[in-house]
Amino acid sequence: MASLNCSSPPEKAATNAGVAGIGVILGFIVPATLSIVLAFSLIIQESFMHSKRPALGLIRRKLLFALSDQQIIYGIGIQAVGLAQITSLVPYHFFIIWMVSLLSTAVHNSTLLVLLCDFHSDRVLRWLRQVLMLVNLVLGCVFGICMLQVVQKGMTTSTNPTACAFVNGAPGDVQTESSRTLSFIGTIVVIGANFLVFIAATWFLQSRRQVAFKWIQLAGILLMAAIAVAATVRVLMSSQAFGYPSTPLADNAERAWSFSTSVTLLMLALPLMTVLEIWRGEVRVQREFEKVEG
């Protein structure tokens, strides 16, 4: 950080479609929406309606497994990239990364509520998921600390790199005291909520004794969906790809489509292809069973 030039910020910040491009953002939002819809439908079907169509539930459960894995890996990956580029990414990009990681965490926790029985029956999967959740929590807390420092230094719309928030003498934005206090409190609340959600998710993942579980499932899904919607709205409003960023940017590259920005969205095809293969296999087995019975 000693080599950073924080005393004279550029007039406009460079864009970064790799972390805030339209394809990257949609690559988080689209599977997140699918995951929450699938999780909600499975809870309603299995816990409240007691459906007699297990094959349909199995297909959706397999898809939800794939999307759940995708969400937590995406969240960890983009946070790791953001921290690795802390000396070049401006606070605007850091905020976008933080919001999409909160989105992926909320969606992963909602899928966890549905897939608990599968994790309880497999110790390896259960502890692997626990480790991933811990890594995600640590990265999220580091991001939260960085954003706290950004808010404290008044650099939320700065064109300086985020690392300048830890350098003495870096110029900040002109903000009212009430606005800065509100942002500071909001950031602390998000960090604290991350800890509470992690503790609750760990208890659900490791404990086999849950009382009134179907109602806890439903309430948890609704809470995580609300967090996911709030994070999505913030991303859509703050990003150049869909909204109007408060930080001046050099060009409109984050609104442009390219292969590199579309990879996260294209990866959605993998779980969908897996589900198609499972569904075709179920149909074939059903037909063969009907032939034998006939």
Protein backbone atom coordinates (compact mmCIF):
# COMPACT_ATOMS: atom_id res chain seq x y z
CA MET A 1 0.00 0.00 0.00
CA ALA A 2 3.00 2.27 0.38
CA SER A 3 3.22 2.61 -3.42
CA LEU A 4 -0.40 3.79 -3.74
CA ASN A 5 -1.00 7.33 -4.91
CA CYS A 6 -4.00 8.33 -2.82
CA SER A 7 -3.40 12.08 -2.68
CA SER A 8 -4.62 12.88 -6.20
CA PRO A 9 -7.61 10.71 -7.24
CA PRO A 10 -8.42 10.56 -10.98
CA GLU A 11 -11.45 12.41 -12.30
CA LYS A 12 -13.07 9.14 -13.37
CA ALA A 13 -12.59 5.55 -12.23
CA ALA A 14 -11.83 2.73 -14.64
CA THR A 15 -14.68 0.30 -15.28
CA ASN A 16 -14.35 -3.40 -14.47
CA ALA A 17 -16.78 -5.63 -16.35
CA GLY A 18 -15.18 -8.69 -14.77
CA VAL A 19 -16.78 -7.97 -11.40
CA ALA A 20 -19.61 -5.54 -12.20
CA GLY A 21 -20.51 -6.29 -15.83
CA ILE A 22 -24.06 -7.00 -16.93
CA GLY A 23 -23.34 -10.69 -17.50
CA VAL A 24 -21.70 -11.14 -14.10
CA ILE A 25 -24.59 -9.49 -12.25
CA LEU A 26 -27.21 -11.49 -14.16
CA GLY A 27 -25.13 -14.60 -13.50
CA PHE A 28 -25.88 -14.08 -9.81
CA ILE A 29 -29.46 -12.82 -10.04
CA VAL A 30 -30.92 -15.43 -12.45
CA PRO A 31 -29.80 -18.58 -10.57
CA ALA A 32 -30.66 -16.87 -7.28
CA THR A 33 -34.23 -16.35 -8.46
CA LEU A 34 -34.49 -19.95 -9.68
CA SER A 35 -33.08 -21.25 -6.39
CA ILE A 36 -35.55 -19.36 -4.20
CA VAL A 37 -38.52 -20.39 -6.37
CA LEU A 38 -37.43 -24.05 -6.28
CA ALA A 39 -36.76 -23.97 -2.52
CA PHE A 40 -40.13 -22.41 -1.80
CA SER A 41 -42.00 -24.86 -4.05
CA LEU A 42 -40.26 -27.87 -2.48
CA ILE A 43 -41.09 -26.75 1.06
CA ILE A 44 -44.74 -26.21 0.14
CA GLN A 45 -44.93 -29.56 -1.67
CA GLU A 46 -43.07 -31.72 0.85
CA SER A 47 -44.01 -30.11 4.17
CA PHE A 48 -47.52 -28.80 3.61
CA MET A 49 -49.09 -30.57 0.60
CA HIS A 50 -47.47 -34.02 0.96
CA SER A 51 -47.41 -34.51 -2.80
CA LYS A 52 -47.54 -38.02 -4.24
CA ARG A 53 -45.16 -37.20 -7.12
CA PRO A 54 -41.70 -37.99 -5.72
CA ALA A 55 -40.01 -38.02 -9.15
CA LEU A 56 -40.84 -34.37 -9.78
CA GLY A 57 -39.56 -33.46 -6.33
CA LEU A 58 -36.34 -35.43 -6.93
CA ILE A 59 -35.63 -33.54 -10.15
CA ARG A 60 -36.13 -30.16 -8.50
CA ARG A 61 -34.04 -31.25 -5.52
CA LYS A 62 -31.15 -32.24 -7.81
CA LEU A 63 -31.35 -28.89 -9.59
CA LEU A 64 -31.45 -27.09 -6.25
CA PHE A 65 -28.34 -28.98 -5.13
CA ALA A 66 -26.46 -27.81 -8.22
CA LEU A 67 -27.65 -24.22 -7.86
CA SER A 68 -26.79 -24.22 -4.14
CA ASP A 69 -23.23 -25.31 -4.87
CA GLN A 70 -22.99 -22.74 -7.65
CA GLN A 71 -24.18 -19.90 -5.42
CA ILE A 72 -21.71 -20.41 -2.58
CA ILE A 73 -18.76 -21.03 -4.94
CA TYR A 74 -19.63 -17.90 -6.94
CA GLY A 75 -19.87 -15.87 -3.74
CA ILE A 76 -16.50 -17.08 -2.45
CA GLY A 77 -14.88 -16.64 -5.86
CA ILE A 78 -15.95 -13.06 -6.51
CA GLN A 79 -14.99 -11.99 -2.97
CA ALA A 80 -11.55 -13.55 -3.36
CA VAL A 81 -11.08 -11.70 -6.66
CA GLY A 82 -12.19 -8.44 -5.06
CA LEU A 83 -9.75 -8.73 -2.16
CA ALA A 84 -6.93 -9.67 -4.54
CA GLN A 85 -7.61 -6.44 -6.47
CA ILE A 86 -8.13 -4.14 -3.49
CA THR A 87 -5.34 -1.85 -4.72
CA SER A 88 -7.11 -1.26 -8.05
CA LEU A 89 -10.86 -1.64 -7.45
CA VAL A 90 -12.68 1.49 -6.34
CA PRO A 91 -15.21 1.40 -3.46
CA TYR A 92 -18.06 1.30 -6.02
CA HIS A 93 -16.85 -2.08 -7.29
CA PHE A 94 -16.24 -3.30 -3.75
CA PHE A 95 -19.82 -2.45 -2.84
CA ILE A 96 -21.19 -4.33 -5.89
CA ILE A 97 -19.13 -7.40 -4.97
CA TRP A 98 -20.30 -7.21 -1.36
CA MET A 99 -23.96 -7.02 -2.39
CA VAL A 100 -23.83 -9.95 -4.85
CA SER A 101 -21.98 -12.02 -2.24
CA LEU A 102 -24.75 -11.23 0.27
CA LEU A 103 -27.25 -12.28 -2.40
CA SER A 104 -25.48 -15.59 -2.96
CA THR A 105 -25.19 -16.21 0.80
CA ALA A 106 -28.91 -15.58 1.37
CA VAL A 107 -29.86 -17.86 -1.50
CA HIS A 108 -27.49 -20.60 -0.32
CA ASN A 109 -28.99 -20.47 3.16
CA SER A 110 -32.50 -20.76 1.73
CA THR A 111 -31.50 -23.87 -0.22
CA LEU A 112 -29.81 -25.26 2.89
CA LEU A 113 -33.16 -25.23 4.70
CA VAL A 114 -34.60 -27.51 2.02
CA LEU A 115 -31.61 -29.83 1.62
CA LEU A 116 -30.90 -30.44 5.33
CA CYS A 117 -32.01 -34.07 5.26
CA ASP A 118 -29.57 -34.81 2.44
CA PHE A 119 -26.69 -33.23 4.36
CA HIS A 120 -27.62 -35.00 7.61
CA SER A 121 -27.31 -38.36 5.87
CA ASP A 122 -23.80 -37.65 4.52
CA ARG A 123 -21.10 -36.49 6.94
CA VAL A 124 -18.60 -35.58 4.20
CA LEU A 125 -21.06 -33.33 2.37
CA ARG A 126 -22.18 -31.79 5.65
CA TRP A 127 -18.68 -30.81 6.78
CA LEU A 128 -17.63 -29.72 3.30
CA ARG A 129 -20.59 -27.36 3.25
CA GLN A 130 -19.70 -26.17 6.75
CA VAL A 131 -16.15 -25.30 5.65
CA LEU A 132 -17.44 -23.42 2.59
CA MET A 133 -19.85 -21.48 4.79
CA LEU A 134 -17.01 -20.55 7.17
CA VAL A 135 -14.79 -19.37 4.30
CA ASN A 136 -17.69 -17.33 2.93
CA LEU A 137 -18.30 -15.79 6.37
CA VAL A 138 -14.64 -14.81 6.81
CA LEU A 139 -14.49 -13.21 3.36
CA GLY A 140 -17.79 -11.42 3.97
CA CYS A 141 -16.52 -10.02 7.28
CA VAL A 142 -13.29 -8.81 5.66
CA PHE A 143 -15.37 -7.08 3.00
CA GLY A 144 -17.54 -5.58 5.70
CA ILE A 145 -14.48 -4.21 7.52
CA CYS A 146 -13.23 -2.69 4.26
CA MET A 147 -16.62 -1.06 3.64
CA LEU A 148 -16.67 0.24 7.24
CA GLN A 149 -13.32 1.89 6.65
CA VAL A 150 -14.56 3.32 3.34
CA VAL A 151 -17.62 4.80 5.04
CA GLN A 152 -15.58 6.13 7.96
CA LYS A 153 -13.16 7.88 5.59
CA GLY A 154 -16.03 9.21 3.46
CA MET A 155 -14.85 7.40 0.31
CA THR A 156 -18.09 5.80 -0.88
CA THR A 157 -18.00 7.66 -4.23
CA SER A 158 -14.22 8.06 -4.41
CA THR A 159 -12.27 7.24 -7.57
CA ASN A 160 -9.30 6.17 -5.46
CA PRO A 161 -8.67 2.42 -4.95
CA THR A 162 -10.38 0.88 -1.92
CA ALA A 163 -6.99 0.29 -0.29
CA CYS A 164 -6.66 4.06 0.09
CA ALA A 165 -9.26 3.86 2.86
CA PHE A 166 -6.49 2.42 5.04
CA VAL A 167 -4.00 5.16 4.14
CA ASN A 168 -3.81 8.29 6.27
CA GLY A 169 -4.45 11.54 4.45
CA ALA A 170 -6.48 10.11 1.56
CA PRO A 171 -9.14 12.61 0.44
CA GLY A 172 -12.78 11.68 1.04
CA ASP A 173 -16.22 12.72 -0.15
CA VAL A 174 -18.26 15.60 1.15
CA GLN A 175 -20.95 13.89 3.25
CA THR A 176 -23.30 15.03 5.98
CA GLU A 177 -22.69 13.58 9.42
CA SER A 178 -26.14 11.95 9.49
CA SER A 179 -25.58 10.26 6.12
CA ARG A 180 -22.21 8.90 7.19
CA THR A 181 -23.60 7.68 10.52
CA LEU A 182 -26.50 5.93 8.80
CA SER A 183 -24.17 4.18 6.35
CA PHE A 184 -21.86 3.18 9.20
CA ILE A 185 -24.69 1.71 11.27
CA GLY A 186 -26.13 -0.09 8.24
CA THR A 187 -22.77 -1.69 7.47
CA ILE A 188 -22.36 -2.89 11.08
CA VAL A 189 -25.89 -4.33 11.03
CA VAL A 190 -25.11 -6.30 7.86
CA ILE A 191 -21.90 -7.70 9.36
CA GLY A 192 -23.72 -8.67 12.57
CA ALA A 193 -26.55 -10.26 10.59
CA ASN A 194 -23.98 -12.33 8.69
CA PHE A 195 -22.70 -13.75 11.99
CA LEU A 196 -26.21 -14.52 13.27
CA VAL A 197 -27.24 -16.20 10.02
CA PHE A 198 -24.03 -18.26 10.02
CA ILE A 199 -24.69 -19.45 13.59
CA ALA A 200 -28.29 -20.34 12.75
CA ALA A 201 -27.27 -22.13 9.55
CA THR A 202 -24.57 -24.07 11.42
CA TRP A 203 -27.07 -25.18 14.05
CA PHE A 204 -29.53 -26.35 11.40
CA LEU A 205 -26.77 -28.13 9.49
CA GLN A 206 -25.33 -29.99 12.50
CA SER A 207 -28.42 -30.55 14.67
CA ARG A 208 -30.85 -33.38 14.03
CA ARG A 209 -33.47 -32.19 16.54
CA GLN A 210 -35.67 -29.43 15.17
CA VAL A 211 -39.08 -28.52 16.58
CA ALA A 212 -41.84 -27.24 14.27
CA PHE A 213 -39.31 -27.51 11.47
CA LYS A 214 -41.64 -26.88 8.53
CA TRP A 215 -42.66 -23.50 9.93
CA ILE A 216 -39.01 -22.63 10.61
CA GLN A 217 -38.24 -23.62 7.03
CA LEU A 218 -40.98 -21.39 5.66
CA ALA A 219 -40.02 -18.42 7.85
CA GLY A 220 -36.34 -18.89 6.98
CA ILE A 221 -37.07 -19.00 3.25
CA LEU A 222 -39.12 -15.81 3.45
CA LEU A 223 -36.40 -14.03 5.47
CA MET A 224 -33.62 -15.09 3.10
CA ALA A 225 -35.76 -14.13 0.11
CA ALA A 226 -36.27 -10.66 1.60
CA ILE A 227 -32.50 -10.26 2.08
CA ALA A 228 -31.86 -11.48 -1.47
CA VAL A 229 -34.41 -9.04 -2.90
CA ALA A 230 -32.90 -6.14 -0.93
CA ALA A 231 -29.38 -6.99 -2.14
CA THR A 232 -30.62 -7.35 -5.73
CA VAL A 233 -32.35 -3.97 -5.65
CA ARG A 234 -29.20 -2.31 -4.30
CA VAL A 235 -27.09 -3.90 -7.04
CA LEU A 236 -29.51 -2.94 -9.81
CA MET A 237 -29.75 0.64 -8.58
CA SER A 238 -26.03 1.12 -7.92
CA SER A 239 -24.44 -0.66 -10.87
CA GLN A 240 -23.65 0.94 -14.21
CA ALA A 241 -25.05 -2.14 -15.96
CA PHE A 242 -28.62 -1.41 -14.83
CA GLY A 243 -28.66 1.83 -12.87
CA TYR A 244 -26.74 5.00 -12.26
CA PRO A 245 -23.54 4.68 -10.21
CA SER A 246 -22.65 7.52 -7.88
CA THR A 247 -18.96 7.13 -8.78
CA PRO A 248 -17.95 8.73 -12.12
CA LEU A 249 -16.74 6.01 -14.50
CA ALA A 250 -14.50 6.40 -17.54
CA ASP A 251 -16.71 4.51 -20.03
CA ASN A 252 -19.79 2.27 -20.39
CA ALA A 253 -17.94 -1.05 -20.63
CA GLU A 254 -19.96 -2.61 -17.80
CA ARG A 255 -23.11 -2.38 -19.91
CA ALA A 256 -21.54 -4.23 -22.86
CA TRP A 257 -21.85 -7.97 -23.44
CA SER A 258 -18.75 -10.11 -23.94
CA PHE A 259 -17.83 -13.74 -23.47
CA SER A 260 -15.84 -13.09 -20.28
CA THR A 261 -18.75 -11.25 -18.65
CA SER A 262 -21.24 -13.91 -19.76
CA VAL A 263 -19.43 -16.98 -18.39
CA THR A 264 -21.29 -16.95 -15.05
CA LEU A 265 -24.60 -16.79 -16.91
CA LEU A 266 -23.58 -19.51 -19.38
CA MET A 267 -22.60 -21.80 -16.49
CA LEU A 268 -26.29 -21.94 -15.60
CA ALA A 269 -26.69 -24.35 -18.51
CA LEU A 270 -24.76 -27.08 -16.64
CA PRO A 271 -27.30 -27.75 -13.85
CA LEU A 272 -30.14 -27.40 -16.37
CA MET A 273 -28.56 -30.06 -18.60
CA THR A 274 -28.11 -32.32 -15.57
CA VAL A 275 -31.79 -31.96 -14.70
CA LEU A 276 -32.77 -32.75 -18.29
CA GLU A 277 -30.70 -35.94 -18.17
CA ILE A 278 -32.28 -36.96 -14.85
CA TRP A 279 -35.77 -36.23 -16.17
CA ARG A 280 -35.16 -38.27 -19.33
CA GLY A 281 -33.86 -41.13 -17.20
CA GLU A 282 -36.97 -41.02 -14.99
CA VAL A 283 -39.20 -41.06 -18.08
CA ARG A 284 -37.34 -44.04 -19.54
CA VAL A 285 -37.53 -45.98 -16.27
CA GLN A 286 -41.25 -45.24 -16.00
CA ARG A 287 -41.90 -46.49 -19.55
CA GLU A 288 -39.94 -49.69 -18.96
CA PHE A 289 -41.84 -50.25 -15.71
CA GLU A 290 -45.16 -49.79 -17.52
CA LYS A 291 -44.10 -52.30 -20.19
CA VAL A 292 -43.20 -54.89 -17.55
CA GLU A 293 -46.48 -54.31 -15.72
CA GLY A 294 -48.39 -54.52 -18.99
